[in-house]
């Protein structure tokens, strides 16, 4: 299984950067500037942290929902979180 480039990822001017090889290679370049482009860049740069947060909270959340198994909303939230983790980690 391939893994993503480890962070930290940062946003700088038009680039989402991660200096993973010592040469400062860019992961992604956002074309254009503006509110939406800047928001997209911040979201992409936060992706490794968001994935780590979800993976950290899942064991606790799974137990909480299991302890209160009639909570449909809790089960739905776990399904959404699992799908997001799968989307980020599986080809």
N, C-alpha and C. Protein backbone atom coordinates (compact mmCIF):
# COMPACT_ATOMS: atom_id res chain seq x y z
N UNK A 1 0.85 -1.18 0.00
CA UNK A 1 0.00 0.00 0.00
C UNK A 1 0.89 1.24 0.00
N UNK A 2 0.61 2.17 -0.88
CA UNK A 2 1.34 3.43 -0.91
C UNK A 2 0.85 4.31 0.23
N UNK A 3 1.74 5.14 0.73
CA UNK A 3 1.35 6.09 1.76
C UNK A 3 1.51 7.50 1.21
N UNK A 4 0.85 8.43 1.85
CA UNK A 4 0.96 9.82 1.41
C UNK A 4 2.28 10.41 1.88
N UNK A 5 2.65 11.50 1.29
CA UNK A 5 3.84 12.21 1.69
C UNK A 5 3.62 12.78 3.09
N UNK A 6 4.54 12.49 3.98
CA UNK A 6 4.39 12.95 5.36
C UNK A 6 4.50 14.47 5.42
N UNK A 7 3.81 15.05 6.37
CA UNK A 7 3.83 16.49 6.57
C UNK A 7 5.04 16.93 7.35
N UNK A 8 5.08 18.14 7.78
CA UNK A 8 3.95 19.05 7.62
C UNK A 8 3.86 19.60 6.20
N UNK A 9 2.63 19.77 5.73
CA UNK A 9 2.39 20.43 4.46
C UNK A 9 2.08 21.89 4.80
N UNK A 10 2.53 22.79 3.98
CA UNK A 10 2.28 24.21 4.23
C UNK A 10 1.80 24.88 2.96
N UNK A 11 1.16 26.01 3.13
CA UNK A 11 0.72 26.82 1.99
C UNK A 11 1.63 28.04 1.92
N UNK A 12 2.20 28.28 0.77
CA UNK A 12 3.10 29.41 0.58
C UNK A 12 2.90 29.96 -0.82
N UNK A 13 2.40 31.18 -0.93
CA UNK A 13 2.09 31.79 -2.22
C UNK A 13 1.16 30.88 -3.02
N UNK A 14 1.61 30.36 -4.16
CA UNK A 14 0.75 29.52 -5.00
C UNK A 14 1.00 28.03 -4.80
N UNK A 15 1.74 27.67 -3.78
CA UNK A 15 2.16 26.27 -3.65
C UNK A 15 1.68 25.65 -2.35
N UNK A 16 1.40 24.36 -2.43
CA UNK A 16 1.24 23.53 -1.24
C UNK A 16 2.54 22.76 -1.18
N UNK A 17 3.29 22.96 -0.13
CA UNK A 17 4.64 22.44 -0.10
C UNK A 17 4.83 21.38 0.98
N UNK A 18 5.68 20.45 0.67
CA UNK A 18 6.19 19.51 1.64
C UNK A 18 7.61 19.20 1.20
N UNK A 19 8.55 19.54 2.00
CA UNK A 19 9.94 19.33 1.64
C UNK A 19 10.34 17.92 2.07
N UNK A 20 9.98 16.95 1.24
CA UNK A 20 10.16 15.56 1.61
C UNK A 20 11.45 14.95 1.10
N UNK A 21 12.17 15.62 0.22
CA UNK A 21 13.40 15.01 -0.29
C UNK A 21 14.62 15.89 -0.07
N UNK A 22 14.48 16.94 0.71
CA UNK A 22 15.59 17.83 0.95
C UNK A 22 15.80 18.85 -0.14
N UNK A 23 15.11 18.73 -1.24
CA UNK A 23 15.26 19.66 -2.36
C UNK A 23 14.11 20.65 -2.45
N UNK A 24 13.14 20.56 -1.56
CA UNK A 24 12.02 21.49 -1.58
C UNK A 24 11.05 21.27 -2.71
N UNK A 25 10.90 20.04 -3.17
CA UNK A 25 9.94 19.74 -4.23
C UNK A 25 8.52 20.04 -3.77
N UNK A 26 7.71 20.52 -4.71
CA UNK A 26 6.33 20.85 -4.41
C UNK A 26 5.42 19.65 -4.65
N UNK A 27 4.41 19.52 -3.80
CA UNK A 27 3.39 18.50 -3.99
C UNK A 27 2.39 18.98 -5.03
N UNK A 28 2.00 20.23 -4.93
CA UNK A 28 0.89 20.73 -5.73
C UNK A 28 1.05 22.23 -5.92
N UNK A 29 0.65 22.72 -7.06
CA UNK A 29 0.62 24.16 -7.28
C UNK A 29 -0.82 24.56 -7.57
N UNK A 30 -1.31 25.53 -6.85
CA UNK A 30 -2.66 26.04 -7.06
C UNK A 30 -2.58 27.14 -8.11
N UNK A 31 -3.31 26.98 -9.19
CA UNK A 31 -3.30 27.98 -10.26
C UNK A 31 -4.28 29.09 -9.93
N UNK A 32 -3.84 30.32 -10.11
CA UNK A 32 -4.69 31.46 -9.83
C UNK A 32 -4.68 31.79 -8.36
N UNK A 33 -5.23 32.92 -8.05
CA UNK A 33 -5.33 33.37 -6.66
C UNK A 33 -6.76 33.80 -6.41
N UNK A 34 -7.14 33.76 -5.19
CA UNK A 34 -8.48 34.19 -4.83
C UNK A 34 -8.95 33.44 -3.61
N UNK A 35 -10.09 33.84 -3.11
CA UNK A 35 -10.62 33.28 -1.89
C UNK A 35 -10.83 31.76 -1.98
N UNK A 36 -11.43 31.30 -3.08
CA UNK A 36 -11.69 29.87 -3.23
C UNK A 36 -10.40 29.08 -3.39
N UNK A 37 -9.48 29.56 -4.21
CA UNK A 37 -8.20 28.88 -4.40
C UNK A 37 -7.43 28.81 -3.10
N UNK A 38 -7.40 29.91 -2.34
CA UNK A 38 -6.70 29.92 -1.06
C UNK A 38 -7.34 28.92 -0.08
N UNK A 39 -8.67 28.86 -0.07
CA UNK A 39 -9.36 27.91 0.81
C UNK A 39 -9.04 26.47 0.40
N UNK A 40 -9.01 26.20 -0.90
CA UNK A 40 -8.65 24.86 -1.38
C UNK A 40 -7.22 24.50 -0.97
N UNK A 41 -6.31 25.44 -1.09
CA UNK A 41 -4.92 25.19 -0.71
C UNK A 41 -4.81 24.86 0.77
N UNK A 42 -5.52 25.61 1.61
CA UNK A 42 -5.48 25.33 3.05
C UNK A 42 -6.07 23.95 3.36
N UNK A 43 -7.15 23.59 2.68
CA UNK A 43 -7.77 22.28 2.91
C UNK A 43 -6.82 21.15 2.51
N UNK A 44 -6.18 21.28 1.34
CA UNK A 44 -5.24 20.25 0.89
C UNK A 44 -4.07 20.15 1.86
N UNK A 45 -3.54 21.29 2.30
CA UNK A 45 -2.41 21.28 3.23
C UNK A 45 -2.79 20.65 4.57
N UNK A 46 -4.05 20.77 4.97
CA UNK A 46 -4.51 20.21 6.24
C UNK A 46 -4.85 18.72 6.14
N UNK A 47 -4.91 18.18 4.94
CA UNK A 47 -5.36 16.79 4.74
C UNK A 47 -4.63 15.78 5.61
N UNK A 48 -3.29 15.78 5.69
CA UNK A 48 -2.63 14.78 6.55
C UNK A 48 -3.04 14.91 8.02
N UNK A 49 -3.22 16.14 8.50
CA UNK A 49 -3.63 16.35 9.88
C UNK A 49 -5.06 15.90 10.11
N UNK A 50 -5.93 16.17 9.13
CA UNK A 50 -7.32 15.74 9.24
C UNK A 50 -7.43 14.22 9.28
N UNK A 51 -6.65 13.54 8.44
CA UNK A 51 -6.64 12.08 8.44
C UNK A 51 -6.15 11.56 9.78
N UNK A 52 -5.07 12.12 10.31
CA UNK A 52 -4.54 11.68 11.60
C UNK A 52 -5.56 11.89 12.71
N UNK A 53 -6.28 13.01 12.67
CA UNK A 53 -7.30 13.27 13.69
C UNK A 53 -8.42 12.24 13.62
N UNK A 54 -8.90 11.94 12.42
CA UNK A 54 -9.95 10.94 12.27
C UNK A 54 -9.49 9.57 12.76
N UNK A 55 -8.28 9.18 12.37
CA UNK A 55 -7.78 7.87 12.79
C UNK A 55 -7.60 7.80 14.29
N UNK A 56 -7.26 8.91 14.93
CA UNK A 56 -7.08 8.95 16.38
C UNK A 56 -8.41 8.84 17.11
N UNK A 57 -9.44 9.51 16.61
CA UNK A 57 -10.72 9.54 17.31
C UNK A 57 -11.59 8.30 17.05
N UNK A 58 -11.32 7.57 15.96
CA UNK A 58 -12.19 6.45 15.59
C UNK A 58 -12.34 5.37 16.67
N UNK A 59 -11.27 4.91 17.33
CA UNK A 59 -11.47 3.88 18.36
C UNK A 59 -12.40 4.37 19.48
N UNK A 60 -12.22 5.59 19.93
CA UNK A 60 -13.06 6.14 20.98
C UNK A 60 -14.51 6.28 20.49
N UNK A 61 -14.68 6.83 19.30
CA UNK A 61 -16.02 7.04 18.76
C UNK A 61 -16.73 5.70 18.53
N UNK A 62 -16.01 4.71 18.03
CA UNK A 62 -16.61 3.40 17.80
C UNK A 62 -17.11 2.80 19.10
N UNK A 63 -16.32 2.92 20.16
CA UNK A 63 -16.74 2.39 21.46
C UNK A 63 -17.95 3.16 21.99
N UNK A 64 -17.94 4.47 21.84
CA UNK A 64 -19.06 5.28 22.32
C UNK A 64 -20.36 4.91 21.62
N UNK A 65 -20.30 4.69 20.32
CA UNK A 65 -21.50 4.31 19.57
C UNK A 65 -21.92 2.88 19.95
N UNK A 66 -20.95 1.98 20.11
CA UNK A 66 -21.28 0.60 20.49
C UNK A 66 -21.96 0.55 21.85
N UNK A 67 -21.52 1.40 22.77
CA UNK A 67 -22.12 1.44 24.10
C UNK A 67 -23.55 1.97 24.07
N UNK A 68 -23.89 2.69 23.04
CA UNK A 68 -25.23 3.26 22.87
C UNK A 68 -25.74 2.89 21.47
N UNK A 69 -25.89 1.59 21.25
CA UNK A 69 -26.09 1.04 19.91
C UNK A 69 -27.35 1.51 19.21
N UNK A 70 -28.26 2.18 19.88
CA UNK A 70 -29.47 2.65 19.21
C UNK A 70 -29.32 4.04 18.61
N UNK A 71 -28.16 4.60 18.69
CA UNK A 71 -27.96 5.96 18.18
C UNK A 71 -27.65 5.93 16.68
N UNK A 72 -28.69 6.10 15.87
CA UNK A 72 -28.52 6.09 14.41
C UNK A 72 -27.56 7.17 13.94
N UNK A 73 -27.63 8.35 14.54
CA UNK A 73 -26.77 9.44 14.12
C UNK A 73 -25.30 9.10 14.39
N UNK A 74 -25.02 8.46 15.52
CA UNK A 74 -23.65 8.07 15.84
C UNK A 74 -23.12 7.06 14.83
N UNK A 75 -23.94 6.09 14.46
CA UNK A 75 -23.53 5.11 13.47
C UNK A 75 -23.30 5.78 12.12
N UNK A 76 -24.15 6.72 11.76
CA UNK A 76 -23.99 7.43 10.49
C UNK A 76 -22.69 8.24 10.49
N UNK A 77 -22.38 8.89 11.60
CA UNK A 77 -21.14 9.67 11.69
C UNK A 77 -19.93 8.76 11.54
N UNK A 78 -19.98 7.59 12.16
CA UNK A 78 -18.87 6.64 12.02
C UNK A 78 -18.74 6.17 10.58
N UNK A 79 -19.85 5.91 9.91
CA UNK A 79 -19.80 5.50 8.50
C UNK A 79 -19.14 6.57 7.64
N UNK A 80 -19.49 7.83 7.90
CA UNK A 80 -18.91 8.94 7.14
C UNK A 80 -17.41 9.02 7.41
N UNK A 81 -17.01 8.90 8.67
CA UNK A 81 -15.59 8.96 9.02
C UNK A 81 -14.82 7.80 8.41
N UNK A 82 -15.38 6.60 8.48
CA UNK A 82 -14.72 5.43 7.86
C UNK A 82 -14.55 5.62 6.36
N UNK A 83 -15.56 6.15 5.71
CA UNK A 83 -15.49 6.39 4.27
C UNK A 83 -14.41 7.42 3.94
N UNK A 84 -14.30 8.44 4.75
CA UNK A 84 -13.28 9.47 4.52
C UNK A 84 -11.88 8.89 4.69
N UNK A 85 -11.70 8.06 5.72
CA UNK A 85 -10.40 7.42 5.94
C UNK A 85 -10.07 6.49 4.77
N UNK A 86 -11.05 5.72 4.34
CA UNK A 86 -10.82 4.82 3.20
C UNK A 86 -10.46 5.59 1.94
N UNK A 87 -11.14 6.70 1.71
CA UNK A 87 -10.87 7.52 0.52
C UNK A 87 -9.44 8.06 0.56
N UNK A 88 -8.95 8.37 1.75
CA UNK A 88 -7.61 8.92 1.88
C UNK A 88 -6.51 7.86 1.88
N UNK A 89 -6.87 6.62 2.20
CA UNK A 89 -5.81 5.61 2.39
C UNK A 89 -5.84 4.46 1.41
N UNK A 90 -6.92 4.28 0.68
CA UNK A 90 -7.01 3.14 -0.25
C UNK A 90 -7.00 3.63 -1.70
N UNK A 91 -6.32 2.88 -2.55
CA UNK A 91 -6.26 3.28 -3.97
C UNK A 91 -7.61 3.17 -4.65
